[in-house]
C-alpha atoms as a PDB file:
ATOM      1  CA  UNK A   1       7.440  12.353 -13.757  1.00  0.00           C
ATOM      2  CA  UNK A   2       6.520  13.735 -10.240  1.00  0.00           C
ATOM      3  CA  UNK A   3       8.482  15.961  -7.286  1.00  0.00           C
ATOM      4  CA  UNK A   4      10.129  12.616  -5.649  1.00  0.00           C
ATOM      5  CA  UNK A   5      11.670  11.606  -9.125  1.00  0.00           C
ATOM      6  CA  UNK A   6      12.519  14.740  -9.819  1.00  0.00           C
ATOM      7  CA  UNK A   7      14.282  15.628  -6.230  1.00  0.00           C
ATOM      8  CA  UNK A   8      15.771  12.206  -5.493  1.00  0.00           C
ATOM      9  CA  UNK A   9      18.447  12.360  -7.522  1.00  0.00           C
ATOM     10  CA  UNK A  10      20.256  15.448  -6.546  1.00  0.00           C
ATOM     11  CA  UNK A  11      19.530  14.429  -3.137  1.00  0.00           C
ATOM     12  CA  UNK A  12      20.981  10.928  -3.385  1.00  0.00           C
ATOM     13  CA  UNK A  13      24.772  12.682  -2.784  1.00  0.00           C
ATOM     14  CA  UNK A  14      23.509  14.399   0.376  1.00  0.00           C
ATOM     15  CA  UNK A  15      21.858  11.443   1.600  1.00  0.00           C
ATOM     16  CA  UNK A  16      25.023   9.024   0.785  1.00  0.00           C
ATOM     17  CA  UNK A  17      26.983  11.986   3.015  1.00  0.00           C
ATOM     18  CA  UNK A  18      24.346  11.637   6.005  1.00  0.00           C
ATOM     19  CA  UNK A  19      24.278   7.741   5.715  1.00  0.00           C
ATOM     20  CA  UNK A  20      28.240   7.382   6.017  1.00  0.00           C
ATOM     21  CA  UNK A  21      28.247   9.972   8.638  1.00  0.00           C
ATOM     22  CA  UNK A  22      25.389   8.127  10.778  1.00  0.00           C
ATOM     23  CA  UNK A  23      26.914   4.745  10.012  1.00  0.00           C
ATOM     24  CA  UNK A  24      30.404   5.848  11.150  1.00  0.00           C
ATOM     25  CA  UNK A  25      29.985   8.356  13.810  1.00  0.00           C
ATOM     26  CA  UNK A  26      26.169   7.997  14.944  1.00  0.00           C
ATOM     27  CA  UNK A  27      24.105  11.132  16.378  1.00  0.00           C
ATOM     28  CA  UNK A  28      24.124  12.898  19.360  1.00  0.00           C
ATOM     29  CA  UNK A  29      23.127  10.760  22.646  1.00  0.00           C
ATOM     30  CA  UNK A  30      19.293  12.415  22.866  1.00  0.00           C
ATOM     31  CA  UNK A  31      19.085  13.435  19.370  1.00  0.00           C
ATOM     32  CA  UNK A  32      15.636  12.698  17.599  1.00  0.00           C
ATOM     33  CA  UNK A  33      17.005  10.710  14.892  1.00  0.00           C
ATOM     34  CA  UNK A  34      17.459   7.465  17.141  1.00  0.00           C
ATOM     35  CA  UNK A  35      14.042   6.723  17.659  1.00  0.00           C
ATOM     36  CA  UNK A  36      13.276   7.272  14.052  1.00  0.00           C
ATOM     37  CA  UNK A  37      15.991   5.149  12.729  1.00  0.00           C
ATOM     38  CA  UNK A  38      14.502   2.291  15.007  1.00  0.00           C
ATOM     39  CA  UNK A  39      11.038   2.823  13.566  1.00  0.00           C
ATOM     40  CA  UNK A  40      12.011   2.827  10.087  1.00  0.00           C
ATOM     41  CA  UNK A  41      15.208   0.421  10.287  1.00  0.00           C
ATOM     42  CA  UNK A  42      16.997   1.896   7.699  1.00  0.00           C
ATOM     43  CA  UNK A  43      19.423   5.174   7.159  1.00  0.00           C
ATOM     44  CA  UNK A  44      17.845   7.554   5.112  1.00  0.00           C
ATOM     45  CA  UNK A  45      19.411   7.335   1.962  1.00  0.00           C
ATOM     46  CA  UNK A  46      18.495   3.749   1.794  1.00  0.00           C
ATOM     47  CA  UNK A  47      14.596   4.559   2.786  1.00  0.00           C
ATOM     48  CA  UNK A  48      14.544   6.939   0.401  1.00  0.00           C
ATOM     49  CA  UNK A  49      15.703   4.911  -2.465  1.00  0.00           C
ATOM     50  CA  UNK A  50      12.802   2.794  -1.273  1.00  0.00           C
ATOM     51  CA  UNK A  51      10.145   4.838  -1.251  1.00  0.00           C
ATOM     52  CA  UNK A  52      11.262   6.055  -4.986  1.00  0.00           C
ATOM     53  CA  UNK A  53      10.821   2.711  -5.975  1.00  0.00           C
ATOM     54  CA  UNK A  54       6.709   2.374  -5.228  1.00  0.00           C
ATOM     55  CA  UNK A  55       4.974   2.850  -8.390  1.00  0.00           C
ATOM     56  CA  UNK A  56       1.087   3.585  -7.268  1.00  0.00           C
ATOM     57  CA  UNK A  57       0.011   3.963 -10.842  1.00  0.00           C
ATOM     58  CA  UNK A  58      -0.085   0.489 -11.869  1.00  0.00           C
ATOM     59  CA  UNK A  59      -2.574  -0.349  -8.388  1.00  0.00           C
ATOM     60  CA  UNK A  60      -4.401   2.419  -9.303  1.00  0.00           C
ATOM     61  CA  UNK A  61      -5.239   1.323 -12.520  1.00  0.00           C
ATOM     62  CA  UNK A  62      -5.909  -2.003 -11.627  1.00  0.00           C
ATOM     63  CA  UNK A  63      -9.197  -1.357  -9.592  1.00  0.00           C
ATOM     64  CA  UNK A  64     -11.239  -0.447 -12.673  1.00  0.00           C
ATOM     65  CA  UNK A  65     -10.062  -3.796 -14.253  1.00  0.00           C
ATOM     66  CA  UNK A  66     -11.001  -5.857 -10.895  1.00  0.00           C
ATOM     67  CA  UNK A  67     -14.534  -4.187 -10.465  1.00  0.00           C
ATOM     68  CA  UNK A  68     -15.225  -4.980 -14.728  1.00  0.00           C
ATOM     69  CA  UNK A  69     -14.478  -8.742 -13.512  1.00  0.00           C
ATOM     70  CA  UNK A  70     -16.733  -8.305 -10.810  1.00  0.00           C
ATOM     71  CA  UNK A  71     -19.404  -7.052 -13.093  1.00  0.00           C
ATOM     72  CA  UNK A  72     -19.018 -10.061 -15.086  1.00  0.00           C
ATOM     73  CA  UNK A  73     -19.320 -12.320 -12.552  1.00  0.00           C
ATOM     74  CA  UNK A  74     -22.493 -10.819 -11.427  1.00  0.00           C
ATOM     75  CA  UNK A  75     -23.960 -10.861 -14.434  1.00  0.00           C
ATOM     76  CA  UNK A  76     -23.020 -14.648 -15.124  1.00  0.00           C
ATOM     77  CA  UNK A  77     -24.607 -15.505 -11.922  1.00  0.00           C
ATOM     78  CA  UNK A  78     -27.536 -13.730 -13.138  1.00  0.00           C
ATOM     79  CA  UNK A  79     -28.202 -14.840 -16.698  1.00  0.00           C
ATOM     80  CA  UNK A  80     -26.471 -18.275 -17.018  1.00  0.00           C
ATOM     81  CA  UNK A  81     -29.603 -19.893 -14.909  1.00  0.00           C
ATOM     82  CA  UNK A  82     -31.722 -23.056 -15.729  1.00  0.00           C
ATOM     83  CA  UNK A  83     -35.350 -23.493 -13.967  1.00  0.00           C
ATOM     84  CA  UNK A  84     -34.829 -25.519 -10.807  1.00  0.00           C
ATOM     85  CA  UNK A  85     -36.226 -29.331 -11.425  1.00  0.00           C
ATOM     86  CA  UNK A  86     -40.031 -29.308  -9.196  1.00  0.00           C
ATOM     87  CA  UNK A  87     -39.754 -30.028  -6.098  1.00  0.00           C
ATOM     88  CA  UNK A  88     -35.766 -29.215  -5.386  1.00  0.00           C
ATOM     89  CA  UNK A  89     -34.587 -25.818  -3.810  1.00  0.00           C
ATOM     90  CA  UNK A  90     -32.212 -24.910  -6.012  1.00  0.00           C
ATOM     91  CA  UNK A  91     -32.022 -21.199  -7.667  1.00  0.00           C
ATOM     92  CA  UNK A  92     -34.416 -20.499 -10.830  1.00  0.00           C
ATOM     93  CA  UNK A  93     -32.004 -20.874 -13.936  1.00  0.00           C
ATOM     94  CA  UNK A  94     -33.170 -19.233 -17.215  1.00  0.00           C
ATOM     95  CA  UNK A  95     -32.355 -22.231 -19.770  1.00  0.00           C
ATOM     96  CA  UNK A  96     -34.582 -24.516 -20.680  1.00  0.00           C
ATOM     97  CA  UNK A  97     -34.223 -27.494 -19.280  1.00  0.00           C
ATOM     98  CA  UNK A  98     -36.444 -29.624 -21.800  1.00  0.00           C
ATOM     99  CA  UNK A  99     -38.466 -30.749 -18.571  1.00  0.00           C
ATOM    100  CA  UNK A 100     -35.487 -32.554 -16.916  1.00  0.00           C
ATOM    101  CA  UNK A 101     -36.422 -34.294 -13.922  1.00  0.00           C
ATOM    102  CA  UNK A 102     -35.072 -36.593 -11.545  1.00  0.00           C
ATOM    103  CA  UNK A 103     -32.099 -36.966  -8.886  1.00  0.00           C
ATOM    104  CA  UNK A 104     -29.541 -35.906 -11.625  1.00  0.00           C
ATOM    105  CA  UNK A 105     -31.661 -32.826 -12.246  1.00  0.00           C
ATOM    106  CA  UNK A 106     -31.687 -32.009  -8.658  1.00  0.00           C
ATOM    107  CA  UNK A 107     -27.597 -32.739  -8.084  1.00  0.00           C
ATOM    108  CA  UNK A 108     -27.458 -30.050 -10.991  1.00  0.00           C
ATOM    109  CA  UNK A 109     -29.546 -27.731  -9.642  1.00  0.00           C
ATOM    110  CA  UNK A 110     -27.914 -27.949  -6.337  1.00  0.00           C
ATOM    111  CA  UNK A 111     -24.685 -27.664  -7.491  1.00  0.00           C
ATOM    112  CA  UNK A 112     -25.305 -24.749  -9.847  1.00  0.00           C
ATOM    113  CA  UNK A 113     -27.077 -23.252  -7.234  1.00  0.00           C
ATOM    114  CA  UNK A 114     -23.636 -23.103  -5.206  1.00  0.00           C
ATOM    115  CA  UNK A 115     -21.542 -22.190  -7.837  1.00  0.00           C
ATOM    116  CA  UNK A 116     -23.619 -18.998  -8.468  1.00  0.00           C
ATOM    117  CA  UNK A 117     -23.721 -18.121  -5.374  1.00  0.00           C
ATOM    118  CA  UNK A 118     -19.907 -18.412  -5.148  1.00  0.00           C
ATOM    119  CA  UNK A 119     -19.992 -16.148  -8.111  1.00  0.00           C
ATOM    120  CA  UNK A 120     -21.997 -13.517  -6.934  1.00  0.00           C
ATOM    121  CA  UNK A 121     -23.972 -14.506  -3.922  1.00  0.00           C
ATOM    122  CA  UNK A 122     -23.440 -11.655  -0.986  1.00  0.00           C
ATOM    123  CA  UNK A 123     -20.017 -10.590   0.727  1.00  0.00           C
ATOM    124  CA  UNK A 124     -19.104 -14.024   0.771  1.00  0.00           C
ATOM    125  CA  UNK A 125     -18.379 -14.343  -3.264  1.00  0.00           C
ATOM    126  CA  UNK A 126     -15.931 -14.000  -5.722  1.00  0.00           C
ATOM    127  CA  UNK A 127     -17.661 -11.129  -6.650  1.00  0.00           C
ATOM    128  CA  UNK A 128     -17.790  -9.015  -3.485  1.00  0.00           C
ATOM    129  CA  UNK A 129     -14.151 -10.278  -3.004  1.00  0.00           C
ATOM    130  CA  UNK A 130     -13.100  -8.668  -6.505  1.00  0.00           C
ATOM    131  CA  UNK A 131     -14.822  -5.227  -5.373  1.00  0.00           C
ATOM    132  CA  UNK A 132     -12.586  -5.143  -2.201  1.00  0.00           C
ATOM    133  CA  UNK A 133      -9.553  -6.134  -3.563  1.00  0.00           C
ATOM    134  CA  UNK A 134      -9.947  -3.608  -6.047  1.00  0.00           C
ATOM    135  CA  UNK A 135     -10.557  -0.967  -3.044  1.00  0.00           C
ATOM    136  CA  UNK A 136      -7.653  -2.082  -1.157  1.00  0.00           C
ATOM    137  CA  UNK A 137      -5.532  -1.639  -4.354  1.00  0.00           C
ATOM    138  CA  UNK A 138      -6.786   1.533  -4.827  1.00  0.00           C
ATOM    139  CA  UNK A 139      -6.035   2.163  -1.207  1.00  0.00           C
ATOM    140  CA  UNK A 140      -2.639   1.194  -1.486  1.00  0.00           C
ATOM    141  CA  UNK A 141      -1.754   3.591  -4.302  1.00  0.00           C
ATOM    142  CA  UNK A 142      -3.203   6.176  -2.774  1.00  0.00           C
ATOM    143  CA  UNK A 143      -0.828   5.670   0.400  1.00  0.00           C
ATOM    144  CA  UNK A 144       2.044   5.343  -1.723  1.00  0.00           C
ATOM    145  CA  UNK A 145       1.176   8.603  -3.710  1.00  0.00           C
ATOM    146  CA  UNK A 146       0.864  10.502  -0.321  1.00  0.00           C
ATOM    147  CA  UNK A 147       4.031   8.939   0.876  1.00  0.00           C
ATOM    148  CA  UNK A 148       6.002   9.828  -2.556  1.00  0.00           C
ATOM    149  CA  UNK A 149       4.723  13.395  -1.875  1.00  0.00           C
ATOM    150  CA  UNK A 150       5.431  13.899   1.670  1.00  0.00           C
ATOM    151  CA  UNK A 151       8.920  12.829   1.128  1.00  0.00           C
ATOM    152  CA  UNK A 152       9.417  15.243  -2.019  1.00  0.00           C
ATOM    153  CA  UNK A 153       8.521  17.570  -0.166  1.00  0.00           C
ATOM    154  CA  UNK A 154      10.834  17.129   3.036  1.00  0.00           C
ATOM    155  CA  UNK A 155      13.807  16.756  -0.007  1.00  0.00           C
ATOM    156  CA  UNK A 156      12.846  20.238  -1.220  1.00  0.00           C
ATOM    157  CA  UNK A 157      13.525  21.548   2.551  1.00  0.00           C
ATOM    158  CA  UNK A 158      16.367  19.603   3.432  1.00  0.00           C
ATOM    159  CA  UNK A 159      18.395  20.420  -0.060  1.00  0.00           C
ATOM    160  CA  UNK A 160      17.872  24.444   0.370  1.00  0.00           C
ATOM    161  CA  UNK A 161      18.879  24.046   4.240  1.00  0.00           C
ATOM    162  CA  UNK A 162      21.644  25.431   6.265  1.00  0.00           C
ATOM    163  CA  UNK A 163      22.301  21.803   6.793  1.00  0.00           C
ATOM    164  CA  UNK A 164      22.394  20.757   3.503  1.00  0.00           C
ATOM    165  CA  UNK A 165      25.365  23.748   3.067  1.00  0.00           C
ATOM    166  CA  UNK A 166      27.145  22.417   6.075  1.00  0.00           C
ATOM    167  CA  UNK A 167      27.191  19.015   5.372  1.00  0.00           C
ATOM    168  CA  UNK A 168      28.544  19.999   2.077  1.00  0.00           C
ATOM    169  CA  UNK A 169      30.756  22.642   2.438  1.00  0.00           C
ATOM    170  CA  UNK A 170      31.411  23.149   6.264  1.00  0.00           C
ATOM    171  CA  UNK A 171      30.341  24.095   9.423  1.00  0.00           C
ATOM    172  CA  UNK A 172      26.685  23.540  10.707  1.00  0.00           C
ATOM    173  CA  UNK A 173      24.241  26.318  11.654  1.00  0.00           C
ATOM    174  CA  UNK A 174      20.978  26.113  13.431  1.00  0.00           C
ATOM    175  CA  UNK A 175      19.914  22.735  14.225  1.00  0.00           C
ATOM    176  CA  UNK A 176      16.997  21.478  11.806  1.00  0.00           C
ATOM    177  CA  UNK A 177      14.829  21.325  14.925  1.00  0.00           C
ATOM    178  CA  UNK A 178      15.895  24.382  16.336  1.00  0.00           C
ATOM    179  CA  UNK A 179      17.890  22.970  19.211  1.00  0.00           C
ATOM    180  CA  UNK A 180      21.139  22.608  20.598  1.00  0.00           C
ATOM    181  CA  UNK A 181      22.964  19.402  21.131  1.00  0.00           C
ATOM    182  CA  UNK A 182      25.950  18.360  23.145  1.00  0.00           C
ATOM    183  CA  UNK A 183      27.904  17.327  19.745  1.00  0.00           C
ATOM    184  CA  UNK A 184      30.001  19.259  17.036  1.00  0.00           C
ATOM    185  CA  UNK A 185      28.024  21.498  14.517  1.00  0.00           C
ATOM    186  CA  UNK A 186      28.615  18.674  11.859  1.00  0.00           C
ATOM    187  CA  UNK A 187      27.189  16.046  13.726  1.00  0.00           C
ATOM    188  CA  UNK A 188      24.312  17.599  14.460  1.00  0.00           C
ATOM    189  CA  UNK A 189      23.454  18.543  11.193  1.00  0.00           C
ATOM    190  CA  UNK A 190      23.733  14.970   9.440  1.00  0.00           C
ATOM    191  CA  UNK A 191      21.605  13.949  12.597  1.00  0.00           C
ATOM    192  CA  UNK A 192      18.765  16.546  11.707  1.00  0.00           C
ATOM    193  CA  UNK A 193      19.128  15.957   8.288  1.00  0.00           C
ATOM    194  CA  UNK A 194      18.326  12.575   8.945  1.00  0.00           C
ATOM    195  CA  UNK A 195      15.518  12.841  11.117  1.00  0.00           C
ATOM    196  CA  UNK A 196      13.941  15.267   9.214  1.00  0.00           C
ATOM    197  CA  UNK A 197      13.793  12.587   6.302  1.00  0.00           C
ATOM    198  CA  UNK A 198      12.965   9.870   8.194  1.00  0.00           C
ATOM    199  CA  UNK A 199      10.186  11.425  10.313  1.00  0.00           C
ATOM    200  CA  UNK A 200       7.539  11.316   7.020  1.00  0.00           C
ATOM    201  CA  UNK A 201       8.833   7.659   6.301  1.00  0.00           C
ATOM    202  CA  UNK A 202       8.095   6.701   9.875  1.00  0.00           C
ATOM    203  CA  UNK A 203       4.560   8.003   9.444  1.00  0.00           C
ATOM    204  CA  UNK A 204       4.276   5.951   6.111  1.00  0.00           C
ATOM    205  CA  UNK A 205       5.386   3.003   8.023  1.00  0.00           C
ATOM    206  CA  UNK A 206       2.936   3.218  10.419  1.00  0.00           C
ATOM    207  CA  UNK A 207      -0.108   4.254   8.026  1.00  0.00           C
ATOM    208  CA  UNK A 208       0.974   0.801   5.893  1.00  0.00           C
ATOM    209  CA  UNK A 209       0.661  -0.950   9.200  1.00  0.00           C
ATOM    210  CA  UNK A 210      -2.790   0.439   9.882  1.00  0.00           C
ATOM    211  CA  UNK A 211      -3.777  -0.429   6.287  1.00  0.00           C
ATOM    212  CA  UNK A 212      -2.700  -3.977   6.323  1.00  0.00           C
ATOM    213  CA  UNK A 213      -4.895  -4.167   9.837  1.00  0.00           C
ATOM    214  CA  UNK A 214      -7.482  -2.598   8.334  1.00  0.00           C
ATOM    215  CA  UNK A 215      -8.058  -4.957   5.185  1.00  0.00           C
ATOM    216  CA  UNK A 216      -6.590  -8.414   6.277  1.00  0.00           C
ATOM    217  CA  UNK A 217      -9.449  -9.654   7.737  1.00  0.00           C
ATOM    218  CA  UNK A 218     -11.584  -8.651   4.472  1.00  0.00           C
ATOM    219  CA  UNK A 219      -8.685 -10.246   2.004  1.00  0.00           C
ATOM    220  CA  UNK A 220      -8.802 -14.022   3.490  1.00  0.00           C
ATOM    221  CA  UNK A 221      -8.639 -16.749   0.963  1.00  0.00           C
ATOM    222  CA  UNK A 222     -12.612 -17.525  -0.661  1.00  0.00           C
ATOM    223  CA  UNK A 223     -12.764 -21.180  -0.700  1.00  0.00           C
ATOM    224  CA  UNK A 224     -15.522 -22.693  -2.567  1.00  0.00           C
ATOM    225  CA  UNK A 225     -18.201 -24.370   0.176  1.00  0.00           C
ATOM    226  CA  UNK A 226     -20.993 -26.943  -1.712  1.00  0.00           C
ATOM    227  CA  UNK A 227     -24.290 -25.695  -0.443  1.00  0.00           C
END
């Protein structure tokens, strides 16, 4: 159980109050919560619930398995080969061909050369693509873990803040951001908590978009091509 799992439950009641207040009454006009709500596209309680569902461990565990499979492809490509018949341009393979020659032997050598390269023949091979997929999965797992940690840290501050006391028991104290807004104290406290919670989630959304842009060109479908 990580910090977010420990804090999400205790924070859920407070965030439910904040969500209801925002949905019913909104927030002060110039409050920082507005651009954060637009960027995240969800109220704080809903957004925290979505982050709490992120599970980095299975993705992180998948990386070694994918790399093992990639190594198997590379070994198969290197070992399961036959000597190409005389006069062909196929790759040398290490199985006794019994002197097999002729058009059929040449066609087989050409086909095997293409299949072998498809398995492990550089950046456009199944082996290389599995390595890339493993690295991508590990990057996403790392992003999930960082996001969960950032949200947990924020919830720990929010739960012990004057704004949380104000929302649950009475008038709010100073705003979370230390600024005075032209709104009732309770409205200010709800908005301040919402902005504090949404900020790391908005940043995580931006990081997720950056990851997608960085990795998507390297994860396109790898079609087999007869060489």
